[in-house]
Amino acid sequence: MVKPEDVMKALSGTWLYLNVTTFNDNGTISHEEDPGLGASPTGMLHYNAAGLMSANFMSGRAADRPAGVDSAAIDVGSDADWALIGKHTLSYAGPYRVTLTTDDVEEGQITHGPTRVAWLPSWVGRELEKNYTLYDDDEVMRFIARTQDGRISHQFFQRLA
């Protein structure tokens, strides 16, 4: 079996979200958009070898990202604009750990959490289990995980650094 620290070393870096395919329990592809992030979200993951991670995603729909709203001037934009941005964002950070190893560092399971910070208070303390596979000399990663509504999600990421 591979040592957990070898998995953490292999995952360390910054990963760009590429796409997702979501399956129903019967194996058919679900064509439903994620209600918060839409069909084409943008996102990044970051892992370090010390066991810390962060995940940041946002909707790719222009209607979910009101123009002109800026943290340097929080009085610009309505409360509804700020709420819309929050509704269509997903962000959390905290420790992660290796929960299942195999004979190969390229495949196993990790758990994000318990999260320490999150865009939603209900996500603080949450644990998210993900099966992972690394491809293309560890430059592409696939996560398989259950969605909040019980479907099976295959998310793909490209290593940036």
C-alpha atoms as a PDB file:
ATOM      1  CA  MET A   1       0.000   0.000   0.000  1.00  0.00           C
ATOM      2  CA  VAL A   2       1.051   3.547  -0.738  1.00  0.00           C
ATOM      3  CA  LYS A   3       1.777   5.759   2.261  1.00  0.00           C
ATOM      4  CA  PRO A   4      -0.705   8.622   2.858  1.00  0.00           C
ATOM      5  CA  GLU A   5       2.124  11.171   2.746  1.00  0.00           C
ATOM      6  CA  ASP A   6       3.007   9.983  -0.785  1.00  0.00           C
ATOM      7  CA  VAL A   7      -0.585  10.613  -1.859  1.00  0.00           C
ATOM      8  CA  MET A   8      -0.503  14.098  -0.304  1.00  0.00           C
ATOM      9  CA  LYS A   9       2.723  14.836  -2.148  1.00  0.00           C
ATOM     10  CA  ALA A  10       1.200  13.636  -5.451  1.00  0.00           C
ATOM     11  CA  LEU A  11      -1.904  15.824  -4.966  1.00  0.00           C
ATOM     12  CA  SER A  12      -0.004  18.927  -3.824  1.00  0.00           C
ATOM     13  CA  GLY A  13      -0.449  21.883  -6.105  1.00  0.00           C
ATOM     14  CA  THR A  14      -3.121  23.980  -7.740  1.00  0.00           C
ATOM     15  CA  TRP A  15      -5.805  22.378  -9.881  1.00  0.00           C
ATOM     16  CA  LEU A  16      -8.099  24.078 -12.422  1.00  0.00           C
ATOM     17  CA  TYR A  17     -11.644  22.764 -12.720  1.00  0.00           C
ATOM     18  CA  LEU A  18     -12.322  21.462 -16.240  1.00  0.00           C
ATOM     19  CA  ASN A  19     -15.798  19.895 -16.235  1.00  0.00           C
ATOM     20  CA  VAL A  20     -18.234  17.519 -14.577  1.00  0.00           C
ATOM     21  CA  THR A  21     -20.468  14.684 -15.684  1.00  0.00           C
ATOM     22  CA  THR A  22     -23.192  13.713 -13.239  1.00  0.00           C
ATOM     23  CA  PHE A  23     -24.907  10.346 -13.274  1.00  0.00           C
ATOM     24  CA  ASN A  24     -28.220   9.177 -11.894  1.00  0.00           C
ATOM     25  CA  ASP A  25     -28.236   6.004  -9.775  1.00  0.00           C
ATOM     26  CA  ASN A  26     -29.354   3.963 -12.795  1.00  0.00           C
ATOM     27  CA  GLY A  27     -26.167   4.984 -14.654  1.00  0.00           C
ATOM     28  CA  THR A  28     -27.749   7.452 -17.060  1.00  0.00           C
ATOM     29  CA  ILE A  29     -26.245  10.907 -17.455  1.00  0.00           C
ATOM     30  CA  SER A  30     -28.108  13.645 -15.628  1.00  0.00           C
ATOM     31  CA  HIS A  31     -28.632  16.733 -17.747  1.00  0.00           C
ATOM     32  CA  GLU A  32     -29.694  18.906 -14.813  1.00  0.00           C
ATOM     33  CA  GLU A  33     -27.552  21.948 -14.145  1.00  0.00           C
ATOM     34  CA  ASP A  34     -26.153  22.456 -10.685  1.00  0.00           C
ATOM     35  CA  PRO A  35     -28.674  24.905  -9.191  1.00  0.00           C
ATOM     36  CA  GLY A  36     -25.987  27.129  -7.695  1.00  0.00           C
ATOM     37  CA  LEU A  37     -23.061  26.879 -10.084  1.00  0.00           C
ATOM     38  CA  GLY A  38     -24.836  26.207 -13.375  1.00  0.00           C
ATOM     39  CA  ALA A  39     -23.626  24.096 -16.294  1.00  0.00           C
ATOM     40  CA  SER A  40     -20.181  25.673 -16.708  1.00  0.00           C
ATOM     41  CA  PRO A  41     -18.698  26.755 -13.383  1.00  0.00           C
ATOM     42  CA  THR A  42     -15.148  27.976 -12.941  1.00  0.00           C
ATOM     43  CA  GLY A  43     -13.054  26.814 -10.027  1.00  0.00           C
ATOM     44  CA  MET A  44      -9.755  25.882  -8.476  1.00  0.00           C
ATOM     45  CA  LEU A  45      -8.505  23.520  -5.803  1.00  0.00           C
ATOM     46  CA  HIS A  46      -5.280  23.858  -3.871  1.00  0.00           C
ATOM     47  CA  TYR A  47      -3.583  21.151  -1.812  1.00  0.00           C
ATOM     48  CA  ASN A  48      -0.336  21.244   0.119  1.00  0.00           C
ATOM     49  CA  ALA A  49       1.716  18.341   1.461  1.00  0.00           C
ATOM     50  CA  ALA A  50       1.040  19.454   5.052  1.00  0.00           C
ATOM     51  CA  GLY A  51      -2.607  18.421   4.657  1.00  0.00           C
ATOM     52  CA  LEU A  52      -4.377  21.718   4.003  1.00  0.00           C
ATOM     53  CA  MET A  53      -6.645  22.489   1.071  1.00  0.00           C
ATOM     54  CA  SER A  54      -8.984  25.090  -0.351  1.00  0.00           C
ATOM     55  CA  ALA A  55     -11.765  24.895  -2.923  1.00  0.00           C
ATOM     56  CA  ASN A  56     -13.205  27.906  -4.726  1.00  0.00           C
ATOM     57  CA  PHE A  57     -15.895  27.748  -7.408  1.00  0.00           C
ATOM     58  CA  MET A  58     -18.227  30.250  -9.025  1.00  0.00           C
ATOM     59  CA  SER A  59     -20.994  30.147 -11.564  1.00  0.00           C
ATOM     60  CA  GLY A  60     -19.991  30.751 -15.150  1.00  0.00           C
ATOM     61  CA  ARG A  61     -23.352  32.356 -15.934  1.00  0.00           C
ATOM     62  CA  ALA A  62     -23.010  36.129 -16.421  1.00  0.00           C
ATOM     63  CA  ALA A  63     -26.443  36.644 -14.852  1.00  0.00           C
ATOM     64  CA  ASP A  64     -25.088  35.188 -11.572  1.00  0.00           C
ATOM     65  CA  ARG A  65     -22.158  37.630 -11.436  1.00  0.00           C
ATOM     66  CA  PRO A  66     -23.485  41.231 -11.343  1.00  0.00           C
ATOM     67  CA  ALA A  67     -21.030  43.682 -12.884  1.00  0.00           C
ATOM     68  CA  GLY A  68     -19.754  46.568 -10.807  1.00  0.00           C
ATOM     69  CA  VAL A  69     -19.923  44.825  -7.417  1.00  0.00           C
ATOM     70  CA  ASP A  70     -16.553  45.274  -5.729  1.00  0.00           C
ATOM     71  CA  SER A  71     -15.220  44.443  -2.274  1.00  0.00           C
ATOM     72  CA  ALA A  72     -13.290  47.714  -2.279  1.00  0.00           C
ATOM     73  CA  ALA A  73     -16.625  49.544  -2.252  1.00  0.00           C
ATOM     74  CA  ILE A  74     -19.152  47.342  -0.492  1.00  0.00           C
ATOM     75  CA  ASP A  75     -21.766  50.082  -0.752  1.00  0.00           C
ATOM     76  CA  VAL A  76     -21.720  49.584  -4.551  1.00  0.00           C
ATOM     77  CA  GLY A  77     -24.313  47.068  -5.653  1.00  0.00           C
ATOM     78  CA  SER A  78     -27.525  46.161  -3.941  1.00  0.00           C
ATOM     79  CA  ASP A  79     -27.915  43.594  -1.185  1.00  0.00           C
ATOM     80  CA  ALA A  80     -29.657  41.470  -3.821  1.00  0.00           C
ATOM     81  CA  ASP A  81     -26.535  41.647  -6.050  1.00  0.00           C
ATOM     82  CA  TRP A  82     -24.320  40.549  -3.153  1.00  0.00           C
ATOM     83  CA  ALA A  83     -26.756  37.762  -2.243  1.00  0.00           C
ATOM     84  CA  LEU A  84     -26.821  36.570  -5.855  1.00  0.00           C
ATOM     85  CA  ILE A  85     -23.033  36.277  -5.894  1.00  0.00           C
ATOM     86  CA  GLY A  86     -23.098  34.327  -2.627  1.00  0.00           C
ATOM     87  CA  LYS A  87     -25.833  32.033  -3.904  1.00  0.00           C
ATOM     88  CA  HIS A  88     -23.739  31.114  -6.943  1.00  0.00           C
ATOM     89  CA  THR A  89     -20.385  30.626  -5.210  1.00  0.00           C
ATOM     90  CA  LEU A  90     -18.917  27.636  -3.383  1.00  0.00           C
ATOM     91  CA  SER A  91     -15.840  28.083  -1.237  1.00  0.00           C
ATOM     92  CA  TYR A  92     -14.327  26.200   1.675  1.00  0.00           C
ATOM     93  CA  ALA A  93     -10.944  25.393   3.204  1.00  0.00           C
ATOM     94  CA  GLY A  94      -9.400  23.295   5.910  1.00  0.00           C
ATOM     95  CA  PRO A  95      -7.489  20.086   6.409  1.00  0.00           C
ATOM     96  CA  TYR A  96      -7.711  17.059   4.169  1.00  0.00           C
ATOM     97  CA  ARG A  97      -6.599  13.512   4.790  1.00  0.00           C
ATOM     98  CA  VAL A  98      -6.056  10.295   2.918  1.00  0.00           C
ATOM     99  CA  THR A  99      -8.840   7.894   3.891  1.00  0.00           C
ATOM    100  CA  LEU A 100      -8.063   5.005   1.537  1.00  0.00           C
ATOM    101  CA  THR A 101      -4.862   4.023  -0.209  1.00  0.00           C
ATOM    102  CA  THR A 102      -4.224   1.431  -2.876  1.00  0.00           C
ATOM    103  CA  ASP A 103      -1.082  -0.093  -4.328  1.00  0.00           C
ATOM    104  CA  ASP A 104      -0.772   2.963  -6.558  1.00  0.00           C
ATOM    105  CA  VAL A 105      -0.494   6.645  -5.589  1.00  0.00           C
ATOM    106  CA  GLU A 106      -2.661   7.517  -8.600  1.00  0.00           C
ATOM    107  CA  GLU A 107      -5.850   6.079  -7.102  1.00  0.00           C
ATOM    108  CA  GLY A 108      -7.505   6.213  -3.702  1.00  0.00           C
ATOM    109  CA  GLN A 109      -9.773   8.277  -1.491  1.00  0.00           C
ATOM    110  CA  ILE A 110      -9.361  11.566   0.354  1.00  0.00           C
ATOM    111  CA  THR A 111     -11.620  13.467   2.716  1.00  0.00           C
ATOM    112  CA  HIS A 112     -11.817  17.256   2.775  1.00  0.00           C
ATOM    113  CA  GLY A 113     -12.462  18.439   6.294  1.00  0.00           C
ATOM    114  CA  PRO A 114     -13.626  18.987   8.757  1.00  0.00           C
ATOM    115  CA  THR A 115     -13.817  22.324   6.984  1.00  0.00           C
ATOM    116  CA  ARG A 116     -12.652  25.310   8.998  1.00  0.00           C
ATOM    117  CA  VAL A 117     -14.040  28.109   6.835  1.00  0.00           C
ATOM    118  CA  ALA A 118     -16.811  28.063   4.253  1.00  0.00           C
ATOM    119  CA  TRP A 119     -19.026  30.437   2.324  1.00  0.00           C
ATOM    120  CA  LEU A 120     -22.031  28.938   4.136  1.00  0.00           C
ATOM    121  CA  PRO A 121     -22.100  28.553   7.922  1.00  0.00           C
ATOM    122  CA  SER A 122     -23.685  25.094   7.532  1.00  0.00           C
ATOM    123  CA  TRP A 123     -20.579  23.900   5.684  1.00  0.00           C
ATOM    124  CA  VAL A 124     -18.174  24.692   8.546  1.00  0.00           C
ATOM    125  CA  GLY A 125     -17.202  21.349  10.062  1.00  0.00           C
ATOM    126  CA  ARG A 126     -18.434  19.351   7.069  1.00  0.00           C
ATOM    127  CA  GLU A 127     -16.454  16.398   5.686  1.00  0.00           C
ATOM    128  CA  LEU A 128     -16.496  15.624   1.968  1.00  0.00           C
ATOM    129  CA  GLU A 129     -15.317  12.206   0.800  1.00  0.00           C
ATOM    130  CA  LYS A 130     -13.849  11.958  -2.702  1.00  0.00           C
ATOM    131  CA  ASN A 131     -12.481   9.025  -4.669  1.00  0.00           C
ATOM    132  CA  TYR A 132      -9.660  10.271  -6.856  1.00  0.00           C
ATOM    133  CA  THR A 133      -7.740   9.042  -9.891  1.00  0.00           C
ATOM    134  CA  LEU A 134      -4.692  10.763 -11.394  1.00  0.00           C
ATOM    135  CA  TYR A 135      -4.077  10.514 -15.155  1.00  0.00           C
ATOM    136  CA  ASP A 136      -1.548  11.751 -17.724  1.00  0.00           C
ATOM    137  CA  ASP A 137       1.547  11.653 -15.490  1.00  0.00           C
ATOM    138  CA  ASP A 138      -0.454  13.121 -12.571  1.00  0.00           C
ATOM    139  CA  GLU A 139      -1.490  16.196 -14.577  1.00  0.00           C
ATOM    140  CA  VAL A 140      -5.224  15.413 -14.687  1.00  0.00           C
ATOM    141  CA  MET A 141      -7.338  14.418 -11.687  1.00  0.00           C
ATOM    142  CA  ARG A 142     -10.832  12.948 -11.519  1.00  0.00           C
ATOM    143  CA  PHE A 143     -12.993  13.019  -8.393  1.00  0.00           C
ATOM    144  CA  ILE A 144     -15.967  10.727  -7.972  1.00  0.00           C
ATOM    145  CA  ALA A 145     -18.327  11.779  -5.205  1.00  0.00           C
ATOM    146  CA  ARG A 146     -21.998  11.930  -4.264  1.00  0.00           C
ATOM    147  CA  THR A 147     -23.731  15.232  -4.860  1.00  0.00           C
ATOM    148  CA  GLN A 148     -25.964  16.766  -2.211  1.00  0.00           C
ATOM    149  CA  ASP A 149     -29.002  15.355  -4.010  1.00  0.00           C
ATOM    150  CA  GLY A 150     -27.518  11.843  -4.164  1.00  0.00           C
ATOM    151  CA  ARG A 151     -26.314  11.691  -7.759  1.00  0.00           C
ATOM    152  CA  ILE A 152     -22.774  10.584  -8.680  1.00  0.00           C
ATOM    153  CA  SER A 153     -20.448  13.327  -9.875  1.00  0.00           C
ATOM    154  CA  HIS A 154     -17.272  12.851 -11.942  1.00  0.00           C
ATOM    155  CA  GLN A 155     -15.290  16.105 -11.742  1.00  0.00           C
ATOM    156  CA  PHE A 156     -12.111  16.675 -13.762  1.00  0.00           C
ATOM    157  CA  PHE A 157      -9.219  19.016 -12.948  1.00  0.00           C
ATOM    158  CA  GLN A 158      -5.968  19.996 -14.689  1.00  0.00           C
ATOM    159  CA  ARG A 159      -2.838  20.625 -12.639  1.00  0.00           C
ATOM    160  CA  LEU A 160      -1.640  24.231 -12.947  1.00  0.00           C
ATOM    161  CA  ALA A 161       1.309  24.101 -10.565  1.00  0.00           C
END
